[in-house]
N, C-alpha and C. Protein backbone atom coordinates (compact mmCIF):
# COMPACT_ATOMS: atom_id res chain seq x y z
N MET A 1 37.85 78.57 53.77
CA MET A 1 36.48 78.20 54.33
C MET A 1 36.09 76.69 54.14
N VAL A 2 35.51 76.02 54.85
CA VAL A 2 35.04 74.61 54.89
C VAL A 2 33.52 74.87 55.00
N VAL A 3 32.77 73.63 54.66
CA VAL A 3 31.14 73.61 55.06
C VAL A 3 31.31 71.85 55.24
N ARG A 4 30.32 72.03 56.17
CA ARG A 4 29.92 70.64 56.51
C ARG A 4 28.39 70.50 56.26
N ALA A 5 27.90 69.58 55.59
CA ALA A 5 26.35 69.30 55.50
C ALA A 5 26.00 67.96 56.12
N ILE A 6 25.26 68.43 57.06
CA ILE A 6 24.99 66.99 57.94
C ILE A 6 23.13 66.95 57.75
N LYS A 7 23.04 65.66 57.20
CA LYS A 7 21.78 65.35 57.06
C LYS A 7 21.08 64.45 58.51
N VAL A 8 20.15 64.91 58.85
CA VAL A 8 19.55 64.33 60.19
C VAL A 8 17.92 63.61 60.13
N TRP A 9 17.93 62.62 60.47
CA TRP A 9 16.49 61.91 60.54
C TRP A 9 16.16 62.10 61.97
N VAL A 10 15.11 62.68 62.12
CA VAL A 10 14.38 62.52 63.49
C VAL A 10 12.79 61.75 63.64
N ARG A 11 12.71 61.04 64.47
CA ARG A 11 11.52 60.36 64.98
C ARG A 11 10.65 61.18 65.07
N LEU A 12 8.84 61.32 64.41
CA LEU A 12 8.25 62.41 64.26
C LEU A 12 7.68 62.58 65.40
N SER A 13 7.87 61.81 66.40
CA SER A 13 7.20 62.02 67.83
C SER A 13 8.19 62.87 68.74
N ASP A 14 9.51 62.93 67.95
CA ASP A 14 10.31 63.92 68.72
C ASP A 14 10.99 65.44 67.96
N ILE A 15 9.90 65.80 67.04
CA ILE A 15 10.47 67.05 66.46
C ILE A 15 10.41 68.04 66.99
N GLN A 16 9.44 68.35 68.02
CA GLN A 16 9.58 69.50 68.88
C GLN A 16 10.90 69.74 69.55
N ALA A 17 11.21 68.70 70.36
CA ALA A 17 12.14 68.57 71.20
C ALA A 17 13.76 68.50 70.58
N PHE A 18 13.56 68.20 69.21
CA PHE A 18 14.76 68.14 68.39
C PHE A 18 14.94 69.38 68.20
N GLU A 19 13.78 70.32 67.62
CA GLU A 19 14.02 71.72 67.09
C GLU A 19 14.39 72.59 68.45
N ARG A 20 13.92 72.42 69.33
CA ARG A 20 14.45 72.86 70.66
C ARG A 20 15.80 72.92 70.95
N ALA A 21 16.25 71.68 70.77
CA ALA A 21 18.01 71.50 71.41
C ALA A 21 18.47 72.12 70.21
N THR A 22 18.15 71.90 68.75
CA THR A 22 18.96 72.37 67.70
C THR A 22 18.90 74.06 67.65
N ARG A 23 17.98 74.51 67.90
CA ARG A 23 17.93 76.14 67.97
C ARG A 23 18.90 76.55 69.05
N ALA A 24 19.14 76.01 70.26
CA ALA A 24 20.14 76.09 71.34
C ALA A 24 21.36 76.00 70.55
N ASN A 25 21.65 74.90 69.90
CA ASN A 25 23.08 74.50 69.24
C ASN A 25 23.45 75.69 68.08
N HIS A 26 22.26 76.00 67.54
CA HIS A 26 22.56 76.92 66.28
C HIS A 26 22.55 78.26 66.97
N GLU A 27 22.25 78.80 68.12
CA GLU A 27 22.60 79.92 68.64
C GLU A 27 24.04 80.19 69.29
N GLY A 28 24.39 78.99 69.89
CA GLY A 28 25.64 79.01 70.57
C GLY A 28 26.66 78.80 69.37
N SER A 29 26.44 78.38 68.33
CA SER A 29 27.20 78.26 67.02
C SER A 29 27.54 79.36 66.65
N LEU A 30 26.76 80.13 66.36
CA LEU A 30 26.81 81.63 65.87
C LEU A 30 27.72 82.46 66.54
N SER A 31 27.84 82.08 67.74
CA SER A 31 28.49 82.94 68.71
C SER A 31 30.03 82.39 68.86
N GLU A 32 30.30 81.53 67.69
CA GLU A 32 31.98 81.17 68.02
C GLU A 32 32.43 81.72 66.73
N PRO A 33 33.75 82.20 66.99
CA PRO A 33 34.61 83.10 66.15
C PRO A 33 34.72 82.31 64.97
N GLY A 34 34.93 81.00 64.84
CA GLY A 34 35.22 80.33 63.51
C GLY A 34 33.98 79.94 62.65
N VAL A 35 32.72 80.31 63.25
CA VAL A 35 31.66 79.93 62.20
C VAL A 35 30.91 81.28 61.84
N VAL A 36 30.98 80.91 60.40
CA VAL A 36 30.60 81.99 59.14
C VAL A 36 28.86 82.00 59.02
N ARG A 37 28.40 80.86 58.95
CA ARG A 37 27.13 80.33 58.87
C ARG A 37 26.82 79.03 59.84
N PHE A 38 25.46 78.91 60.29
CA PHE A 38 25.10 77.64 60.70
C PHE A 38 23.61 77.51 60.45
N ASP A 39 23.35 76.97 59.44
CA ASP A 39 21.74 76.94 58.77
C ASP A 39 21.27 75.51 59.30
N VAL A 40 20.08 75.87 59.79
CA VAL A 40 19.21 74.50 60.07
C VAL A 40 18.05 74.55 59.15
N LEU A 41 17.93 73.59 58.13
CA LEU A 41 16.92 73.46 57.03
C LEU A 41 16.24 72.00 57.51
N LYS A 42 14.50 72.31 57.22
CA LYS A 42 13.39 71.16 57.46
C LYS A 42 13.30 70.89 55.87
N HIS A 43 13.06 69.57 55.55
CA HIS A 43 12.72 69.07 54.36
C HIS A 43 11.09 69.45 54.35
N GLU A 44 10.79 69.51 52.99
CA GLU A 44 9.59 70.04 52.68
C GLU A 44 8.12 69.19 52.79
N GLN A 45 8.73 67.88 52.52
CA GLN A 45 7.84 66.72 52.28
C GLN A 45 8.10 65.80 53.00
N ASN A 46 9.39 65.81 54.16
CA ASN A 46 9.87 64.63 54.74
C ASN A 46 9.65 65.58 56.31
N PRO A 47 8.81 65.93 57.09
CA PRO A 47 9.08 66.36 58.30
C PRO A 47 10.07 66.24 59.23
N GLY A 48 10.42 64.92 59.13
CA GLY A 48 11.51 64.69 60.05
C GLY A 48 12.97 64.50 59.55
N GLU A 49 13.42 64.99 58.24
CA GLU A 49 14.50 65.20 57.72
C GLU A 49 14.80 66.56 57.77
N TYR A 50 16.16 66.78 58.26
CA TYR A 50 16.77 67.97 58.17
C TYR A 50 18.19 68.28 57.71
N LEU A 51 18.75 69.31 57.39
CA LEU A 51 20.04 69.44 56.83
C LEU A 51 20.60 70.68 57.56
N LEU A 52 21.68 70.35 58.30
CA LEU A 52 22.35 71.22 59.14
C LEU A 52 23.32 71.95 57.86
N TYR A 53 23.60 73.17 57.69
CA TYR A 53 24.52 73.63 56.81
C TYR A 53 25.38 74.67 57.58
N GLU A 54 26.84 74.00 57.92
CA GLU A 54 27.80 74.76 58.94
C GLU A 54 29.00 75.13 57.84
N MET A 55 29.15 76.13 58.24
CA MET A 55 30.26 77.07 57.16
C MET A 55 31.34 77.48 58.23
N TYR A 56 32.58 76.97 58.08
CA TYR A 56 33.60 77.43 59.10
C TYR A 56 34.70 78.12 58.24
N ARG A 57 35.51 79.01 58.99
CA ARG A 57 36.31 79.62 58.23
C ARG A 57 37.68 78.70 58.19
N SER A 58 38.01 77.93 58.79
CA SER A 58 39.06 76.92 58.62
C SER A 58 38.61 75.46 59.16
N PRO A 59 39.41 74.46 58.69
CA PRO A 59 39.27 73.08 59.33
C PRO A 59 39.17 73.05 60.98
N ALA A 60 40.32 73.96 61.38
CA ALA A 60 40.48 73.94 62.76
C ALA A 60 39.34 74.41 63.62
N ALA A 61 38.36 75.62 62.81
CA ALA A 61 37.38 75.84 63.31
C ALA A 61 36.09 74.70 63.35
N ALA A 62 36.11 73.89 62.47
CA ALA A 62 35.22 73.02 62.47
C ALA A 62 35.37 72.11 63.41
N LEU A 63 36.61 71.78 63.87
CA LEU A 63 37.14 70.67 64.75
C LEU A 63 36.49 71.41 66.18
N ALA A 64 37.10 72.90 66.28
CA ALA A 64 36.74 73.36 67.70
C ALA A 64 35.64 73.30 68.13
N HIS A 65 34.38 73.31 67.08
CA HIS A 65 33.16 73.63 67.02
C HIS A 65 32.58 72.31 67.91
N LYS A 66 33.24 70.92 67.54
CA LYS A 66 32.91 69.98 68.33
C LYS A 66 33.16 69.80 69.98
N GLU A 67 34.20 70.71 70.21
CA GLU A 67 34.63 70.82 71.49
C GLU A 67 33.74 71.51 72.64
N THR A 68 32.95 72.53 71.87
CA THR A 68 32.26 73.39 72.42
C THR A 68 30.98 72.68 73.34
N GLU A 69 30.50 73.42 74.61
CA GLU A 69 29.61 72.94 75.35
C GLU A 69 28.24 72.70 74.46
N HIS A 70 28.21 73.59 73.86
CA HIS A 70 26.65 73.62 73.46
C HIS A 70 26.41 72.47 72.43
N TYR A 71 27.67 72.17 71.40
CA TYR A 71 27.50 71.21 70.58
C TYR A 71 27.47 69.63 71.43
N GLN A 72 28.13 69.67 72.46
CA GLN A 72 28.25 68.74 73.35
C GLN A 72 26.81 68.03 73.63
N VAL A 73 26.28 69.17 74.33
CA VAL A 73 24.77 69.17 74.91
C VAL A 73 24.15 68.67 73.84
N TRP A 74 24.12 69.08 72.44
CA TRP A 74 23.14 69.08 71.54
C TRP A 74 23.45 67.64 71.09
N ARG A 75 24.49 67.28 70.71
CA ARG A 75 24.69 65.81 70.61
C ARG A 75 24.19 64.80 71.51
N GLU A 76 24.14 65.05 72.74
CA GLU A 76 23.98 64.10 73.64
C GLU A 76 22.28 64.16 73.78
N THR A 77 21.88 65.20 73.58
CA THR A 77 20.09 65.42 73.59
C THR A 77 19.44 64.74 72.72
N VAL A 78 20.35 65.13 71.44
CA VAL A 78 19.31 64.53 70.49
C VAL A 78 19.43 62.86 69.76
N ALA A 79 20.63 62.31 70.63
CA ALA A 79 21.02 61.19 69.97
C ALA A 79 19.82 60.05 70.22
N PRO A 80 19.15 60.13 71.41
CA PRO A 80 17.98 59.34 71.23
C PRO A 80 16.96 59.47 70.44
N MET A 81 16.90 61.03 70.09
CA MET A 81 15.48 61.25 68.97
C MET A 81 15.87 60.74 67.55
N MET A 82 16.99 60.12 67.12
CA MET A 82 17.21 60.04 65.81
C MET A 82 16.63 58.65 65.19
N GLU A 83 16.15 59.00 63.93
CA GLU A 83 15.47 57.73 63.52
C GLU A 83 16.44 56.89 62.94
N ARG A 84 17.81 57.33 62.46
CA ARG A 84 19.06 56.79 62.03
C ARG A 84 20.17 57.59 62.21
N SER A 85 21.19 57.00 61.85
CA SER A 85 22.63 57.87 62.40
C SER A 85 22.53 58.92 61.32
N ARG A 86 22.87 60.20 61.81
CA ARG A 86 23.19 61.49 61.14
C ARG A 86 24.52 60.99 60.09
N GLU A 87 24.59 61.70 58.78
CA GLU A 87 25.43 61.54 57.85
C GLU A 87 25.99 62.96 57.55
N GLY A 88 27.29 63.19 57.65
CA GLY A 88 27.90 64.49 57.48
C GLY A 88 28.78 64.30 56.30
N THR A 89 28.83 65.48 55.50
CA THR A 89 29.55 65.38 54.37
C THR A 89 30.39 66.85 54.23
N PRO A 90 31.79 66.60 53.96
CA PRO A 90 32.68 68.03 54.02
C PRO A 90 32.80 68.37 52.63
N TYR A 91 32.79 69.54 52.36
CA TYR A 91 33.00 70.58 51.41
C TYR A 91 34.13 71.44 51.60
N ASP A 92 34.71 71.76 50.88
CA ASP A 92 35.31 72.90 50.51
C ASP A 92 34.80 73.96 49.76
N VAL A 93 34.86 75.29 50.03
CA VAL A 93 34.08 76.36 49.34
C VAL A 93 34.86 76.87 48.21
N LEU A 94 34.43 76.76 47.11
CA LEU A 94 35.09 77.65 45.91
C LEU A 94 34.50 79.05 45.89
N PHE A 95 33.12 79.27 45.82
CA PHE A 95 32.70 80.46 45.60
C PHE A 95 31.44 80.85 46.60
N PRO A 96 31.36 81.65 47.49
CA PRO A 96 32.05 83.01 47.53
C PRO A 96 33.10 82.80 48.30
N LEU A 97 34.42 83.60 48.09
CA LEU A 97 35.78 83.48 48.78
C LEU A 97 35.51 84.40 50.17
N GLU A 98 35.06 85.20 50.28
CA GLU A 98 34.80 85.82 51.62
C GLU A 98 33.55 85.86 52.24
N PRO A 99 33.37 85.42 53.09
CA PRO A 99 32.21 85.11 54.35
C PRO A 99 31.70 85.90 54.14
């Protein structure tokens, strides 16, 4: 399993639109066979800061996610809402070993 932690900074004026678009991406992602988790977290003190916690069954599943229509629509929709470029960090899962 692999995890991608993506930090996203959204302009305050775009928060509602970002959250709508991200919900659609979240729901589409959960229907992918290679997705174990797709959590969307919002920072407690900074309302424009988000963390997308994505767990995939394999590196190939993580790559396949980027080819889906819902991800591509999300990426294009939210790009102009970004306060700055998003930052993704890959992780290998040590525990738990089962999804």
